[in-house]
Amino acid sequence: VLSAAVIVGCIVLDNAQNGKYRNPVEISFTIADTKEIDISKTNAAD
């Protein structure tokens, strides 16, 4: 019983922490256009 409780507890904790990463998420937008922006004053090289 204790072993089963530990296993179930680990599964529940893993799902709570990592469950959101397992499947793709819904993208709620569609890209209609793009425009290049100036990144010269950023740390892009890093």
ModelCIF file with pLDDT and N, C-alpha, C, O atoms, coordinates in Angstrom:
data_MODEL
#
_entry.id   MODEL 
#
_entity.id                         1 
_entity.type                       polymer 
_entity.pdbx_number_of_molecules   1 
#
_entity_poly.entity_id                      1 
_entity_poly.type                           'polypeptide(L)' 
_entity_poly.nstd_linkage                   no 
_entity_poly.nstd_monomer                   no 
_entity_poly.pdbx_seq_one_letter_code       VLSAAVIVGCIVLDNAQNGKYRNPVEISFTIADTKEIDISKTNAAD 
_entity_poly.pdbx_seq_one_letter_code_can   VLSAAVIVGCIVLDNAQNGKYRNPVEISFTIADTKEIDISKTNAAD 
_entity_poly.pdbx_strand_id                 A 
#
loop_
_entity_poly_seq.entity_id 
_entity_poly_seq.num 
_entity_poly_seq.mon_id 
_entity_poly_seq.hetero 
1 1  VAL n 
1 2  LEU n 
1 3  SER n 
1 4  ALA n 
1 5  ALA n 
1 6  VAL n 
1 7  ILE n 
1 8  VAL n 
1 9  GLY n 
1 10 CYS n 
1 11 ILE n 
1 12 VAL n 
1 13 LEU n 
1 14 ASP n 
1 15 ASN n 
1 16 ALA n 
1 17 GLN n 
1 18 ASN n 
1 19 GLY n 
1 20 LYS n 
1 21 TYR n 
1 22 ARG n 
1 23 ASN n 
1 24 PRO n 
1 25 VAL n 
1 26 GLU n 
1 27 ILE n 
1 28 SER n 
1 29 PHE n 
1 30 THR n 
1 31 ILE n 
1 32 ALA n 
1 33 ASP n 
1 34 THR n 
1 35 LYS n 
1 36 GLU n 
1 37 ILE n 
1 38 ASP n 
1 39 ILE n 
1 40 SER n 
1 41 LYS n 
1 42 THR n 
1 43 ASN n 
1 44 ALA n 
1 45 ALA n 
1 46 ASP n 
#
_struct_asym.id          A 
_struct_asym.entity_id   1 
#
loop_
_ma_qa_metric.id 
_ma_qa_metric.mode 
_ma_qa_metric.name 
_ma_qa_metric.software_group_id 
_ma_qa_metric.type 
1 global pLDDT . pLDDT 
2 local  pLDDT . pLDDT 
#
_ma_qa_metric_global.metric_id      1 
_ma_qa_metric_global.metric_value   84.13 
_ma_qa_metric_global.model_id       1 
_ma_qa_metric_global.ordinal_id     1 
#
loop_
_ma_qa_metric_local.label_asym_id 
_ma_qa_metric_local.label_comp_id 
_ma_qa_metric_local.label_seq_id 
_ma_qa_metric_local.metric_id 
_ma_qa_metric_local.metric_value 
_ma_qa_metric_local.model_id 
_ma_qa_metric_local.ordinal_id 
A VAL 1  2 84.00 1 1  
A LEU 2  2 84.00 1 2  
A SER 3  2 85.00 1 3  
A ALA 4  2 83.00 1 4  
A ALA 5  2 79.00 1 5  
A VAL 6  2 82.00 1 6  
A ILE 7  2 82.00 1 7  
A VAL 8  2 78.00 1 8  
A GLY 9  2 74.00 1 9  
A CYS 10 2 70.00 1 10 
A ILE 11 2 66.00 1 11 
A VAL 12 2 69.00 1 12 
A LEU 13 2 71.00 1 13 
A ASP 14 2 63.00 1 14 
A ASN 15 2 64.00 1 15 
A ALA 16 2 63.00 1 16 
A GLN 17 2 64.00 1 17 
A ASN 18 2 65.00 1 18 
A GLY 19 2 68.00 1 19 
A LYS 20 2 78.00 1 20 
A TYR 21 2 82.00 1 21 
A ARG 22 2 79.00 1 22 
A ASN 23 2 84.00 1 23 
A PRO 24 2 87.00 1 24 
A VAL 25 2 88.00 1 25 
A GLU 26 2 91.00 1 26 
A ILE 27 2 92.00 1 27 
A SER 28 2 90.00 1 28 
A PHE 29 2 93.00 1 29 
A THR 30 2 93.00 1 30 
A ILE 31 2 94.00 1 31 
A ALA 32 2 95.00 1 32 
A ASP 33 2 95.00 1 33 
A THR 34 2 95.00 1 34 
A LYS 35 2 97.00 1 35 
A GLU 36 2 96.00 1 36 
A ILE 37 2 96.00 1 37 
A ASP 38 2 95.00 1 38 
A ILE 39 2 95.00 1 39 
A SER 40 2 94.00 1 40 
A LYS 41 2 93.00 1 41 
A THR 42 2 94.00 1 42 
A ASN 43 2 94.00 1 43 
A ALA 44 2 95.00 1 44 
A ALA 45 2 95.00 1 45 
A ASP 46 2 96.00 1 46 
#
loop_
_atom_site.group_PDB 
_atom_site.id 
_atom_site.type_symbol 
_atom_site.label_atom_id 
_atom_site.label_alt_id 
_atom_site.label_comp_id 
_atom_site.label_asym_id 
_atom_site.label_entity_id 
_atom_site.label_seq_id 
_atom_site.pdbx_PDB_ins_code 
_atom_site.Cartn_x 
_atom_site.Cartn_y 
_atom_site.Cartn_z 
_atom_site.occupancy 
_atom_site.B_iso_or_equiv 
_atom_site.pdbx_formal_charge 
_atom_site.auth_seq_id 
_atom_site.auth_comp_id 
_atom_site.auth_asym_id 
_atom_site.auth_atom_id 
_atom_site.pdbx_PDB_model_num 
ATOM 1   N N  . VAL A 1 1  ? 0.837  -1.213 0.000   1.00 84.00 ? 1  VAL A N  1 
ATOM 2   C CA . VAL A 1 1  ? 0.000  0.000  0.000   1.00 84.00 ? 1  VAL A CA 1 
ATOM 3   C C  . VAL A 1 1  ? 0.865  1.253  0.000   1.00 84.00 ? 1  VAL A C  1 
ATOM 4   O O  . VAL A 1 1  ? 0.597  2.189  -0.753  1.00 84.00 ? 1  VAL A O  1 
ATOM 5   N N  . LEU A 1 2  ? 1.904  1.281  0.840   1.00 84.00 ? 2  LEU A N  1 
ATOM 6   C CA . LEU A 1 2  ? 2.791  2.440  0.893   1.00 84.00 ? 2  LEU A CA 1 
ATOM 7   C C  . LEU A 1 2  ? 3.544  2.643  -0.422  1.00 84.00 ? 2  LEU A C  1 
ATOM 8   O O  . LEU A 1 2  ? 3.702  3.774  -0.881  1.00 84.00 ? 2  LEU A O  1 
ATOM 9   N N  . SER A 1 3  ? 4.002  1.558  -1.020  1.00 85.00 ? 3  SER A N  1 
ATOM 10  C CA . SER A 1 3  ? 4.702  1.653  -2.312  1.00 85.00 ? 3  SER A CA 1 
ATOM 11  C C  . SER A 1 3  ? 3.779  2.205  -3.389  1.00 85.00 ? 3  SER A C  1 
ATOM 12  O O  . SER A 1 3  ? 4.175  3.063  -4.179  1.00 85.00 ? 3  SER A O  1 
ATOM 13  N N  . ALA A 1 4  ? 2.545  1.707  -3.416  1.00 83.00 ? 4  ALA A N  1 
ATOM 14  C CA . ALA A 1 4  ? 1.574  2.206  -4.392  1.00 83.00 ? 4  ALA A CA 1 
ATOM 15  C C  . ALA A 1 4  ? 1.297  3.686  -4.167  1.00 83.00 ? 4  ALA A C  1 
ATOM 16  O O  . ALA A 1 4  ? 1.174  4.445  -5.129  1.00 83.00 ? 4  ALA A O  1 
ATOM 17  N N  . ALA A 1 5  ? 1.198  4.109  -2.901  1.00 79.00 ? 5  ALA A N  1 
ATOM 18  C CA . ALA A 1 5  ? 0.950  5.522  -2.596  1.00 79.00 ? 5  ALA A CA 1 
ATOM 19  C C  . ALA A 1 5  ? 2.113  6.397  -3.047  1.00 79.00 ? 5  ALA A C  1 
ATOM 20  O O  . ALA A 1 5  ? 1.898  7.497  -3.555  1.00 79.00 ? 5  ALA A O  1 
ATOM 21  N N  . VAL A 1 6  ? 3.330  5.924  -2.868  1.00 82.00 ? 6  VAL A N  1 
ATOM 22  C CA . VAL A 1 6  ? 4.513  6.680  -3.316  1.00 82.00 ? 6  VAL A CA 1 
ATOM 23  C C  . VAL A 1 6  ? 4.520  6.795  -4.833  1.00 82.00 ? 6  VAL A C  1 
ATOM 24  O O  . VAL A 1 6  ? 4.787  7.870  -5.369  1.00 82.00 ? 6  VAL A O  1 
ATOM 25  N N  . ILE A 1 7  ? 4.230  5.701  -5.532  1.00 82.00 ? 7  ILE A N  1 
ATOM 26  C CA . ILE A 1 7  ? 4.204  5.724  -7.003  1.00 82.00 ? 7  ILE A CA 1 
ATOM 27  C C  . ILE A 1 7  ? 3.131  6.683  -7.505  1.00 82.00 ? 7  ILE A C  1 
ATOM 28  O O  . ILE A 1 7  ? 3.399  7.506  -8.380  1.00 82.00 ? 7  ILE A O  1 
ATOM 29  N N  . VAL A 1 8  ? 1.935  6.588  -6.966  1.00 78.00 ? 8  VAL A N  1 
ATOM 30  C CA . VAL A 1 8  ? 0.846  7.484  -7.383  1.00 78.00 ? 8  VAL A CA 1 
ATOM 31  C C  . VAL A 1 8  ? 1.199  8.932  -7.072  1.00 78.00 ? 8  VAL A C  1 
ATOM 32  O O  . VAL A 1 8  ? 0.941  9.825  -7.880  1.00 78.00 ? 8  VAL A O  1 
ATOM 33  N N  . GLY A 1 9  ? 1.791  9.168  -5.898  1.00 74.00 ? 9  GLY A N  1 
ATOM 34  C CA . GLY A 1 9  ? 2.206  10.523 -5.533  1.00 74.00 ? 9  GLY A CA 1 
ATOM 35  C C  . GLY A 1 9  ? 3.233  11.082 -6.497  1.00 74.00 ? 9  GLY A C  1 
ATOM 36  O O  . GLY A 1 9  ? 3.157  12.253 -6.870  1.00 74.00 ? 9  GLY A O  1 
ATOM 37  N N  . CYS A 1 10 ? 4.191  10.265 -6.904  1.00 70.00 ? 10 CYS A N  1 
ATOM 38  C CA . CYS A 1 10 ? 5.211  10.706 -7.872  1.00 70.00 ? 10 CYS A CA 1 
ATOM 39  C C  . CYS A 1 10 ? 4.580  11.038 -9.217  1.00 70.00 ? 10 CYS A C  1 
ATOM 40  O O  . CYS A 1 10 ? 4.951  12.025 -9.851  1.00 70.00 ? 10 CYS A O  1 
ATOM 41  N N  . ILE A 1 11 ? 3.634  10.221 -9.651  1.00 66.00 ? 11 ILE A N  1 
ATOM 42  C CA . ILE A 1 11 ? 2.957  10.476 -10.931 1.00 66.00 ? 11 ILE A CA 1 
ATOM 43  C C  . ILE A 1 11 ? 2.175  11.785 -10.861 1.00 66.00 ? 11 ILE A C  1 
ATOM 44  O O  . ILE A 1 11 ? 2.215  12.585 -11.795 1.00 66.00 ? 11 ILE A O  1 
ATOM 45  N N  . VAL A 1 12 ? 1.468  12.001 -9.761  1.00 69.00 ? 12 VAL A N  1 
ATOM 46  C CA . VAL A 1 12 ? 0.692  13.237 -9.593  1.00 69.00 ? 12 VAL A CA 1 
ATOM 47  C C  . VAL A 1 12 ? 1.619  14.453 -9.583  1.00 69.00 ? 12 VAL A C  1 
ATOM 48  O O  . VAL A 1 12 ? 1.335  15.455 -10.240 1.00 69.00 ? 12 VAL A O  1 
ATOM 49  N N  . LEU A 1 13 ? 2.714  14.370 -8.849  1.00 71.00 ? 13 LEU A N  1 
ATOM 50  C CA . LEU A 1 13 ? 3.668  15.493 -8.804  1.00 71.00 ? 13 LEU A CA 1 
ATOM 51  C C  . LEU A 1 13 ? 4.298  15.745 -10.168 1.00 71.00 ? 13 LEU A C  1 
ATOM 52  O O  . LEU A 1 13 ? 4.460  16.895 -10.575 1.00 71.00 ? 13 LEU A O  1 
ATOM 53  N N  . ASP A 1 14 ? 4.655  14.673 -10.878 1.00 63.00 ? 14 ASP A N  1 
ATOM 54  C CA . ASP A 1 14 ? 5.245  14.824 -12.205 1.00 63.00 ? 14 ASP A CA 1 
ATOM 55  C C  . ASP A 1 14 ? 4.256  15.476 -13.163 1.00 63.00 ? 14 ASP A C  1 
ATOM 56  O O  . ASP A 1 14 ? 4.627  16.364 -13.930 1.00 63.00 ? 14 ASP A O  1 
ATOM 57  N N  . ASN A 1 15 ? 3.003  15.041 -13.122 1.00 64.00 ? 15 ASN A N  1 
ATOM 58  C CA . ASN A 1 15 ? 1.991  15.651 -13.989 1.00 64.00 ? 15 ASN A CA 1 
ATOM 59  C C  . ASN A 1 15 ? 1.765  17.114 -13.648 1.00 64.00 ? 15 ASN A C  1 
ATOM 60  O O  . ASN A 1 15 ? 1.562  17.936 -14.542 1.00 64.00 ? 15 ASN A O  1 
ATOM 61  N N  . ALA A 1 16 ? 1.798  17.441 -12.377 1.00 63.00 ? 16 ALA A N  1 
ATOM 62  C CA . ALA A 1 16 ? 1.607  18.840 -11.963 1.00 63.00 ? 16 ALA A CA 1 
ATOM 63  C C  . ALA A 1 16 ? 2.743  19.715 -12.467 1.00 63.00 ? 16 ALA A C  1 
ATOM 64  O O  . ALA A 1 16 ? 2.516  20.849 -12.890 1.00 63.00 ? 16 ALA A O  1 
ATOM 65  N N  . GLN A 1 17 ? 3.971  19.193 -12.424 1.00 64.00 ? 17 GLN A N  1 
ATOM 66  C CA . GLN A 1 17 ? 5.120  19.981 -12.831 1.00 64.00 ? 17 GLN A CA 1 
ATOM 67  C C  . GLN A 1 17 ? 5.364  19.936 -14.332 1.00 64.00 ? 17 GLN A C  1 
ATOM 68  O O  . GLN A 1 17 ? 5.687  20.964 -14.927 1.00 64.00 ? 17 GLN A O  1 
ATOM 69  N N  . ASN A 1 18 ? 5.221  18.790 -14.951 1.00 65.00 ? 18 ASN A N  1 
ATOM 70  C CA . ASN A 1 18 ? 5.618  18.612 -16.345 1.00 65.00 ? 18 ASN A CA 1 
ATOM 71  C C  . ASN A 1 18 ? 4.476  18.341 -17.317 1.00 65.00 ? 18 ASN A C  1 
ATOM 72  O O  . ASN A 1 18 ? 4.700  18.315 -18.527 1.00 65.00 ? 18 ASN A O  1 
ATOM 73  N N  . GLY A 1 19 ? 3.278  18.141 -16.828 1.00 68.00 ? 19 GLY A N  1 
ATOM 74  C CA . GLY A 1 19 ? 2.161  17.795 -17.699 1.00 68.00 ? 19 GLY A CA 1 
ATOM 75  C C  . GLY A 1 19 ? 1.908  18.815 -18.797 1.00 68.00 ? 19 GLY A C  1 
ATOM 76  O O  . GLY A 1 19 ? 1.572  18.443 -19.922 1.00 68.00 ? 19 GLY A O  1 
ATOM 77  N N  . LYS A 1 20 ? 2.064  20.079 -18.490 1.00 78.00 ? 20 LYS A N  1 
ATOM 78  C CA . LYS A 1 20 ? 1.790  21.126 -19.483 1.00 78.00 ? 20 LYS A CA 1 
ATOM 79  C C  . LYS A 1 20 ? 2.775  21.096 -20.645 1.00 78.00 ? 20 LYS A C  1 
ATOM 80  O O  . LYS A 1 20 ? 2.503  21.671 -21.699 1.00 78.00 ? 20 LYS A O  1 
ATOM 81  N N  . TYR A 1 21 ? 3.915  20.433 -20.467 1.00 82.00 ? 21 TYR A N  1 
ATOM 82  C CA . TYR A 1 21 ? 4.929  20.394 -21.524 1.00 82.00 ? 21 TYR A CA 1 
ATOM 83  C C  . TYR A 1 21 ? 4.776  19.216 -22.473 1.00 82.00 ? 21 TYR A C  1 
ATOM 84  O O  . TYR A 1 21 ? 5.411  19.185 -23.527 1.00 82.00 ? 21 TYR A O  1 
ATOM 85  N N  . ARG A 1 22 ? 3.948  18.251 -22.116 1.00 79.00 ? 22 ARG A N  1 
ATOM 86  C CA . ARG A 1 22 ? 3.916  17.002 -22.877 1.00 79.00 ? 22 ARG A CA 1 
ATOM 87  C C  . ARG A 1 22 ? 3.214  17.103 -24.233 1.00 79.00 ? 22 ARG A C  1 
ATOM 88  O O  . ARG A 1 22 ? 3.561  16.373 -25.162 1.00 79.00 ? 22 ARG A O  1 
ATOM 89  N N  . ASN A 1 23 ? 2.251  17.982 -24.355 1.00 84.00 ? 23 ASN A N  1 
ATOM 90  C CA . ASN A 1 23 ? 1.484  18.071 -25.596 1.00 84.00 ? 23 ASN A CA 1 
ATOM 91  C C  . ASN A 1 23 ? 1.559  19.478 -26.179 1.00 84.00 ? 23 ASN A C  1 
ATOM 92  O O  . ASN A 1 23 ? 1.776  20.453 -25.459 1.00 84.00 ? 23 ASN A O  1 
ATOM 93  N N  . PRO A 1 24 ? 1.376  19.566 -27.496 1.00 87.00 ? 24 PRO A N  1 
ATOM 94  C CA . PRO A 1 24 ? 1.339  20.898 -28.104 1.00 87.00 ? 24 PRO A CA 1 
ATOM 95  C C  . PRO A 1 24 ? 0.211  21.745 -27.501 1.00 87.00 ? 24 PRO A C  1 
ATOM 96  O O  . PRO A 1 24 ? -0.793 21.213 -27.027 1.00 87.00 ? 24 PRO A O  1 
ATOM 97  N N  . VAL A 1 25 ? 0.390  23.050 -27.527 1.00 88.00 ? 25 VAL A N  1 
ATOM 98  C CA . VAL A 1 25 ? -0.623 23.978 -27.032 1.00 88.00 ? 25 VAL A CA 1 
ATOM 99  C C  . VAL A 1 25 ? -1.346 24.607 -28.218 1.00 88.00 ? 25 VAL A C  1 
ATOM 100 O O  . VAL A 1 25 ? -0.889 24.519 -29.357 1.00 88.00 ? 25 VAL A O  1 
ATOM 101 N N  . GLU A 1 26 ? -2.461 25.233 -27.937 1.00 91.00 ? 26 GLU A N  1 
ATOM 102 C CA . GLU A 1 26 ? -3.220 25.876 -28.998 1.00 91.00 ? 26 GLU A CA 1 
ATOM 103 C C  . GLU A 1 26 ? -2.610 27.251 -29.297 1.00 91.00 ? 26 GLU A C  1 
ATOM 104 O O  . GLU A 1 26 ? -2.343 28.040 -28.391 1.00 91.00 ? 26 GLU A O  1 
ATOM 105 N N  . ILE A 1 27 ? -2.399 27.513 -30.574 1.00 92.00 ? 27 ILE A N  1 
ATOM 106 C CA . ILE A 1 27 ? -1.928 28.829 -31.016 1.00 92.00 ? 27 ILE A CA 1 
ATOM 107 C C  . ILE A 1 27 ? -3.181 29.635 -31.351 1.00 92.00 ? 27 ILE A C  1 
ATOM 108 O O  . ILE A 1 27 ? -3.944 29.269 -32.245 1.00 92.00 ? 27 ILE A O  1 
ATOM 109 N N  . SER A 1 28 ? -3.384 30.731 -30.629 1.00 90.00 ? 28 SER A N  1 
ATOM 110 C CA . SER A 1 28 ? -4.638 31.485 -30.765 1.00 90.00 ? 28 SER A CA 1 
ATOM 111 C C  . SER A 1 28 ? -4.545 32.658 -31.742 1.00 90.00 ? 28 SER A C  1 
ATOM 112 O O  . SER A 1 28 ? -5.376 33.565 -31.705 1.00 90.00 ? 28 SER A O  1 
ATOM 113 N N  . PHE A 1 29 ? -3.548 32.641 -32.604 1.00 93.00 ? 29 PHE A N  1 
ATOM 114 C CA . PHE A 1 29 ? -3.399 33.739 -33.568 1.00 93.00 ? 29 PHE A CA 1 
ATOM 115 C C  . PHE A 1 29 ? -2.905 33.193 -34.900 1.00 93.00 ? 29 PHE A C  1 
ATOM 116 O O  . PHE A 1 29 ? -2.383 32.082 -34.994 1.00 93.00 ? 29 PHE A O  1 
ATOM 117 N N  . THR A 1 30 ? -3.089 34.013 -35.917 1.00 93.00 ? 30 THR A N  1 
ATOM 118 C CA . THR A 1 30 ? -2.580 33.713 -37.246 1.00 93.00 ? 30 THR A CA 1 
ATOM 119 C C  . THR A 1 30 ? -1.708 34.880 -37.677 1.00 93.00 ? 30 THR A C  1 
ATOM 120 O O  . THR A 1 30 ? -2.085 36.040 -37.509 1.00 93.00 ? 30 THR A O  1 
ATOM 121 N N  . ILE A 1 31 ? -0.555 34.577 -38.227 1.00 94.00 ? 31 ILE A N  1 
ATOM 122 C CA . ILE A 1 31 ? 0.346  35.626 -38.687 1.00 94.00 ? 31 ILE A CA 1 
ATOM 123 C C  . ILE A 1 31 ? -0.073 36.064 -40.083 1.00 94.00 ? 31 ILE A C  1 
ATOM 124 O O  . ILE A 1 31 ? -0.131 35.260 -41.013 1.00 94.00 ? 31 ILE A O  1 
ATOM 125 N N  . ALA A 1 32 ? -0.366 37.365 -40.210 1.00 95.00 ? 32 ALA A N  1 
ATOM 126 C CA . ALA A 1 32 ? -0.791 37.920 -41.493 1.00 95.00 ? 32 ALA A CA 1 
ATOM 127 C C  . ALA A 1 32 ? 0.347  38.644 -42.202 1.00 95.00 ? 32 ALA A C  1 
ATOM 128 O O  . ALA A 1 32 ? 0.363  38.725 -43.431 1.00 95.00 ? 32 ALA A O  1 
ATOM 129 N N  . ASP A 1 33 ? 1.312  39.177 -41.425 1.00 95.00 ? 33 ASP A N  1 
ATOM 130 C CA . ASP A 1 33 ? 2.379  39.976 -42.032 1.00 95.00 ? 33 ASP A CA 1 
ATOM 131 C C  . ASP A 1 33 ? 3.579  40.001 -41.088 1.00 95.00 ? 33 ASP A C  1 
ATOM 132 O O  . ASP A 1 33 ? 3.437  39.795 -39.882 1.00 95.00 ? 33 ASP A O  1 
ATOM 133 N N  . THR A 1 34 ? 4.742  40.252 -41.640 1.00 95.00 ? 34 THR A N  1 
ATOM 134 C CA . THR A 1 34 ? 5.949  40.410 -40.831 1.00 95.00 ? 34 THR A CA 1 
ATOM 135 C C  . THR A 1 34 ? 6.727  41.632 -41.307 1.00 95.00 ? 34 THR A C  1 
ATOM 136 O O  . THR A 1 34 ? 6.607  42.066 -42.452 1.00 95.00 ? 34 THR A O  1 
ATOM 137 N N  . LYS A 1 35 ? 7.530  42.172 -40.388 1.00 97.00 ? 35 LYS A N  1 
ATOM 138 C CA . LYS A 1 35 ? 8.366  43.331 -40.731 1.00 97.00 ? 35 LYS A CA 1 
ATOM 139 C C  . LYS A 1 35 ? 9.645  43.240 -39.913 1.00 97.00 ? 35 LYS A C  1 
ATOM 140 O O  . LYS A 1 35 ? 9.602  43.069 -38.695 1.00 97.00 ? 35 LYS A O  1 
ATOM 141 N N  . GLU A 1 36 ? 10.796 43.356 -40.596 1.00 96.00 ? 36 GLU A N  1 
ATOM 142 C CA . GLU A 1 36 ? 12.075 43.300 -39.894 1.00 96.00 ? 36 GLU A CA 1 
ATOM 143 C C  . GLU A 1 36 ? 12.224 44.513 -38.987 1.00 96.00 ? 36 GLU A C  1 
ATOM 144 O O  . GLU A 1 36 ? 11.860 45.632 -39.350 1.00 96.00 ? 36 GLU A O  1 
ATOM 145 N N  . ILE A 1 37 ? 12.767 44.265 -37.799 1.00 96.00 ? 37 ILE A N  1 
ATOM 146 C CA . ILE A 1 37 ? 12.987 45.357 -36.849 1.00 96.00 ? 37 ILE A CA 1 
ATOM 147 C C  . ILE A 1 37 ? 14.483 45.526 -36.597 1.00 96.00 ? 37 ILE A C  1 
ATOM 148 O O  . ILE A 1 37 ? 15.272 44.609 -36.822 1.00 96.00 ? 37 ILE A O  1 
ATOM 149 N N  . ASP A 1 38 ? 14.850 46.697 -36.134 1.00 95.00 ? 38 ASP A N  1 
ATOM 150 C CA . ASP A 1 38 ? 16.248 47.020 -35.859 1.00 95.00 ? 38 ASP A CA 1 
ATOM 151 C C  . ASP A 1 38 ? 16.668 46.382 -34.540 1.00 95.00 ? 38 ASP A C  1 
ATOM 152 O O  . ASP A 1 38 ? 16.071 46.642 -33.496 1.00 95.00 ? 38 ASP A O  1 
ATOM 153 N N  . ILE A 1 39 ? 17.701 45.544 -34.597 1.00 95.00 ? 39 ILE A N  1 
ATOM 154 C CA . ILE A 1 39 ? 18.201 44.903 -33.381 1.00 95.00 ? 39 ILE A CA 1 
ATOM 155 C C  . ILE A 1 39 ? 19.625 45.373 -33.051 1.00 95.00 ? 39 ILE A C  1 
ATOM 156 O O  . ILE A 1 39 ? 20.297 44.787 -32.202 1.00 95.00 ? 39 ILE A O  1 
ATOM 157 N N  . SER A 1 40 ? 20.072 46.427 -33.725 1.00 94.00 ? 40 SER A N  1 
ATOM 158 C CA . SER A 1 40 ? 21.457 46.869 -33.558 1.00 94.00 ? 40 SER A CA 1 
ATOM 159 C C  . SER A 1 40 ? 21.775 47.331 -32.139 1.00 94.00 ? 40 SER A C  1 
ATOM 160 O O  . SER A 1 40 ? 22.936 47.293 -31.732 1.00 94.00 ? 40 SER A O  1 
ATOM 161 N N  . LYS A 1 41 ? 20.783 47.761 -31.388 1.00 93.00 ? 41 LYS A N  1 
ATOM 162 C CA . LYS A 1 41 ? 21.027 48.228 -30.021 1.00 93.00 ? 41 LYS A CA 1 
ATOM 163 C C  . LYS A 1 41 ? 20.693 47.167 -28.977 1.00 93.00 ? 41 LYS A C  1 
ATOM 164 O O  . LYS A 1 41 ? 20.545 47.478 -27.795 1.00 93.00 ? 41 LYS A O  1 
ATOM 165 N N  . THR A 1 42 ? 20.575 45.928 -29.410 1.00 94.00 ? 42 THR A N  1 
ATOM 166 C CA . THR A 1 42 ? 20.285 44.826 -28.484 1.00 94.00 ? 42 THR A CA 1 
ATOM 167 C C  . THR A 1 42 ? 21.539 43.976 -28.294 1.00 94.00 ? 42 THR A C  1 
ATOM 168 O O  . THR A 1 42 ? 22.584 44.240 -28.888 1.00 94.00 ? 42 THR A O  1 
ATOM 169 N N  . ASN A 1 43 ? 21.417 42.980 -27.478 1.00 94.00 ? 43 ASN A N  1 
ATOM 170 C CA . ASN A 1 43 ? 22.510 42.038 -27.234 1.00 94.00 ? 43 ASN A CA 1 
ATOM 171 C C  . ASN A 1 43 ? 22.365 40.788 -28.109 1.00 94.00 ? 43 ASN A C  1 
ATOM 172 O O  . ASN A 1 43 ? 22.608 39.674 -27.645 1.00 94.00 ? 43 ASN A O  1 
ATOM 173 N N  . ALA A 1 44 ? 21.975 40.967 -29.352 1.00 95.00 ? 44 ALA A N  1 
ATOM 174 C CA . ALA A 1 44 ? 21.694 39.858 -30.262 1.00 95.00 ? 44 ALA A CA 1 
ATOM 175 C C  . ALA A 1 44 ? 22.877 38.904 -30.410 1.00 95.00 ? 44 ALA A C  1 
ATOM 176 O O  . ALA A 1 44 ? 22.686 37.691 -30.496 1.00 95.00 ? 44 ALA A O  1 
ATOM 177 N N  . ALA A 1 45 ? 24.080 39.434 -30.440 1.00 95.00 ? 45 ALA A N  1 
ATOM 178 C CA . ALA A 1 45 ? 25.259 38.582 -30.622 1.00 95.00 ? 45 ALA A CA 1 
ATOM 179 C C  . ALA A 1 45 ? 25.414 37.578 -29.474 1.00 95.00 ? 45 ALA A C  1 
ATOM 180 O O  . ALA A 1 45 ? 25.933 36.482 -29.681 1.00 95.00 ? 45 ALA A O  1 
ATOM 181 N N  . ASP A 1 46 ? 24.972 37.941 -28.280 1.00 96.00 ? 46 ASP A N  1 
ATOM 182 C CA . ASP A 1 46 ? 25.057 37.024 -27.138 1.00 96.00 ? 46 ASP A CA 1 
ATOM 183 C C  . ASP A 1 46 ? 24.205 35.772 -27.344 1.00 96.00 ? 46 ASP A C  1 
ATOM 184 O O  . ASP A 1 46 ? 24.167 34.901 -26.475 1.00 96.00 ? 46 ASP A O  1 
#
